[in-house]
Each structure stands twice: as C-alpha cells, then as structure tokens.
Amino acid sequence: MDIRSSLAAQQYAATRPATAPKAQLGGQGADFASLAGEFAANMKASEETAMAAMTGDADPHALVQALAQTELAIETAVTVRDKVVEAYQEILRMPV
C-alpha cells in the first residue's frame, strides 16, 4: 500500500463522524415519525375495539367506526408507499 492510499484512509476515518446521519428533532423526519406513530396508535385502538366487540363489551357502531378508520389509515399508508416507490423508480431512471 502506498502512502497516498494510507493518507486517504486516514482522512476518510477522520471525517466519517461528520458525515454520519444525526437524529433531528424537527423537520420532515419528525413529521413522518409522528405520522407513523399515529398510524400505529390507530391500528392498536381499532384492534382493542374489535376485541371488545368480540367479547360483547363494545357497541357494534363503535366497531364499524373503528374499521372505517382503520381502512382509511391503511389506504393512506398504501398510497404513500406507492408514491415513495414511484419516486424511487423515477430516480433510478434518471441518466447519470
């Protein structure tokens, strides 16, 4: 190994922490994290309502409402996923 590659490896190791991703409290990442948290909470609440309806502790109307909310949340998540995949594929098609 010549001295130039050794120097390059040392420089890379020295600057690597500066390029590492950092957790951000604000911005779009936080918005996406809150949306994912809301989605999970919605799924959990719907599951709890369904379990209560099976045991007879919940009103059937509450079950229908929970199922409608779950369906809307899943359709939204699938639409967002499809848009992300479409954007990724569009980036892959770009000439370099």
C-alpha atoms as a PDB file:
ATOM      1  CA  MET A   1       0.000   0.000   0.000  1.00  0.00           C
ATOM      2  CA  ASP A   2       1.474   3.311  -0.982  1.00  0.00           C
ATOM      3  CA  ILE A   3       1.419   6.387   1.194  1.00  0.00           C
ATOM      4  CA  ARG A   4      -1.375   8.106  -0.745  1.00  0.00           C
ATOM      5  CA  SER A   5      -3.923   5.364  -0.081  1.00  0.00           C
ATOM      6  CA  SER A   6      -2.899   5.252   3.575  1.00  0.00           C
ATOM      7  CA  LEU A   7      -3.352   9.022   3.828  1.00  0.00           C
ATOM      8  CA  ALA A   8      -6.737   8.789   2.110  1.00  0.00           C
ATOM      9  CA  ALA A   9      -7.865   6.084   4.525  1.00  0.00           C
ATOM     10  CA  GLN A  10      -6.805   8.200   7.487  1.00  0.00           C
ATOM     11  CA  GLN A  11      -8.615  11.256   6.130  1.00  0.00           C
ATOM     12  CA  TYR A  12     -11.732   9.201   5.498  1.00  0.00           C
ATOM     13  CA  ALA A  13     -11.674   7.808   9.038  1.00  0.00           C
ATOM     14  CA  ALA A  14     -11.227  11.322  10.432  1.00  0.00           C
ATOM     15  CA  THR A  15     -14.155  12.813   8.502  1.00  0.00           C
ATOM     16  CA  ARG A  16     -16.518   9.849   8.828  1.00  0.00           C
ATOM     17  CA  PRO A  17     -18.226  11.106  12.033  1.00  0.00           C
ATOM     18  CA  ALA A  18     -19.013  14.405  10.291  1.00  0.00           C
ATOM     19  CA  THR A  19     -20.971  12.618   7.575  1.00  0.00           C
ATOM     20  CA  ALA A  20     -22.896  10.297   9.893  1.00  0.00           C
ATOM     21  CA  PRO A  21     -26.647  10.932   9.968  1.00  0.00           C
ATOM     22  CA  LYS A  22     -27.905  12.726  13.039  1.00  0.00           C
ATOM     23  CA  ALA A  23     -31.287  12.444  14.668  1.00  0.00           C
ATOM     24  CA  GLN A  24     -33.265  15.608  14.065  1.00  0.00           C
ATOM     25  CA  LEU A  25     -35.976  16.778  16.372  1.00  0.00           C
ATOM     26  CA  GLY A  26     -37.701  18.924  13.768  1.00  0.00           C
ATOM     27  CA  GLY A  27     -38.307  18.837  10.064  1.00  0.00           C
ATOM     28  CA  GLN A  28     -39.841  16.280   7.781  1.00  0.00           C
ATOM     29  CA  GLY A  29     -38.353  13.306   9.599  1.00  0.00           C
ATOM     30  CA  ALA A  30     -40.190  14.259  12.760  1.00  0.00           C
ATOM     31  CA  ASP A  31     -43.412  14.709  10.781  1.00  0.00           C
ATOM     32  CA  PHE A  32     -43.058  11.254   9.273  1.00  0.00           C
ATOM     33  CA  ALA A  33     -42.279   9.755  12.675  1.00  0.00           C
ATOM     34  CA  SER A  34     -45.383  11.335  14.185  1.00  0.00           C
ATOM     35  CA  LEU A  35     -47.499  10.040  11.289  1.00  0.00           C
ATOM     36  CA  ALA A  36     -46.117   6.549  11.787  1.00  0.00           C
ATOM     37  CA  GLY A  37     -46.868   6.789  15.496  1.00  0.00           C
ATOM     38  CA  GLU A  38     -50.430   7.928  14.808  1.00  0.00           C
ATOM     39  CA  PHE A  39     -50.866   5.063  12.348  1.00  0.00           C
ATOM     40  CA  ALA A  40     -49.697   2.532  14.934  1.00  0.00           C
ATOM     41  CA  ALA A  41     -51.937   4.056  17.615  1.00  0.00           C
ATOM     42  CA  ASN A  42     -54.902   3.921  15.249  1.00  0.00           C
ATOM     43  CA  MET A  43     -54.238   0.264  14.487  1.00  0.00           C
ATOM     44  CA  LYS A  44     -53.928  -0.566  18.188  1.00  0.00           C
ATOM     45  CA  ALA A  45     -57.135   1.283  19.082  1.00  0.00           C
ATOM     46  CA  SER A  46     -59.017  -0.475  16.295  1.00  0.00           C
ATOM     47  CA  GLU A  47     -57.706  -3.835  17.433  1.00  0.00           C
ATOM     48  CA  GLU A  48     -58.776  -3.135  21.000  1.00  0.00           C
ATOM     49  CA  THR A  49     -62.240  -2.103  19.806  1.00  0.00           C
ATOM     50  CA  ALA A  50     -62.531  -5.270  17.726  1.00  0.00           C
ATOM     51  CA  MET A  51     -61.509  -7.415  20.700  1.00  0.00           C
ATOM     52  CA  ALA A  52     -64.048  -5.630  22.906  1.00  0.00           C
ATOM     53  CA  ALA A  53     -66.756  -6.143  20.283  1.00  0.00           C
ATOM     54  CA  MET A  54     -65.994  -9.864  20.142  1.00  0.00           C
ATOM     55  CA  THR A  55     -66.462 -10.191  23.882  1.00  0.00           C
ATOM     56  CA  GLY A  56     -69.605  -8.054  23.817  1.00  0.00           C
ATOM     57  CA  ASP A  57     -68.106  -5.097  25.661  1.00  0.00           C
ATOM     58  CA  ALA A  58     -68.249  -2.647  22.737  1.00  0.00           C
ATOM     59  CA  ASP A  59     -71.065  -1.191  20.736  1.00  0.00           C
ATOM     60  CA  PRO A  60     -71.321  -2.559  17.156  1.00  0.00           C
ATOM     61  CA  HIS A  61     -71.385   1.025  15.883  1.00  0.00           C
ATOM     62  CA  ALA A  62     -68.012   1.641  17.554  1.00  0.00           C
ATOM     63  CA  LEU A  63     -66.655  -1.424  15.775  1.00  0.00           C
ATOM     64  CA  VAL A  64     -67.882  -0.183  12.394  1.00  0.00           C
ATOM     65  CA  GLN A  65     -66.366   3.237  13.045  1.00  0.00           C
ATOM     66  CA  ALA A  66     -63.044   1.686  14.100  1.00  0.00           C
ATOM     67  CA  LEU A  67     -62.997  -0.489  10.975  1.00  0.00           C
ATOM     68  CA  ALA A  68     -63.680   2.541   8.778  1.00  0.00           C
ATOM     69  CA  GLN A  69     -60.846   4.479  10.431  1.00  0.00           C
ATOM     70  CA  THR A  70     -58.523   1.510  10.002  1.00  0.00           C
ATOM     71  CA  GLU A  71     -59.450   1.138   6.345  1.00  0.00           C
ATOM     72  CA  LEU A  72     -58.767   4.825   5.716  1.00  0.00           C
ATOM     73  CA  ALA A  73     -55.418   4.659   7.538  1.00  0.00           C
ATOM     74  CA  ILE A  74     -54.311   1.591   5.588  1.00  0.00           C
ATOM     75  CA  GLU A  75     -55.366   3.099   2.255  1.00  0.00           C
ATOM     76  CA  THR A  76     -53.406   6.244   3.110  1.00  0.00           C
ATOM     77  CA  ALA A  77     -50.319   4.235   4.077  1.00  0.00           C
ATOM     78  CA  VAL A  78     -50.506   2.196   0.862  1.00  0.00           C
ATOM     79  CA  THR A  79     -50.862   5.366  -1.216  1.00  0.00           C
ATOM     80  CA  VAL A  80     -47.838   6.940   0.470  1.00  0.00           C
ATOM     81  CA  ARG A  81     -45.841   3.739  -0.039  1.00  0.00           C
ATOM     82  CA  ASP A  82     -46.784   3.645  -3.715  1.00  0.00           C
ATOM     83  CA  LYS A  83     -45.719   7.276  -4.187  1.00  0.00           C
ATOM     84  CA  VAL A  84     -42.382   6.610  -2.481  1.00  0.00           C
ATOM     85  CA  VAL A  85     -41.742   3.568  -4.677  1.00  0.00           C
ATOM     86  CA  GLU A  86     -42.741   5.539  -7.768  1.00  0.00           C
ATOM     87  CA  ALA A  87     -40.359   8.372  -6.843  1.00  0.00           C
ATOM     88  CA  TYR A  88     -37.548   5.884  -6.215  1.00  0.00           C
ATOM     89  CA  GLN A  89     -38.112   4.242  -9.575  1.00  0.00           C
ATOM     90  CA  GLU A  90     -38.122   7.655 -11.251  1.00  0.00           C
ATOM     91  CA  ILE A  91     -34.772   8.446  -9.619  1.00  0.00           C
ATOM     92  CA  LEU A  92     -33.375   5.139 -10.875  1.00  0.00           C
ATOM     93  CA  ARG A  93     -34.442   6.038 -14.426  1.00  0.00           C
ATOM     94  CA  MET A  94     -32.540   9.332 -14.360  1.00  0.00           C
ATOM     95  CA  PRO A  95     -29.410   9.400 -16.510  1.00  0.00           C
ATOM     96  CA  VAL A  96     -26.186   9.793 -14.617  1.00  0.00           C
END
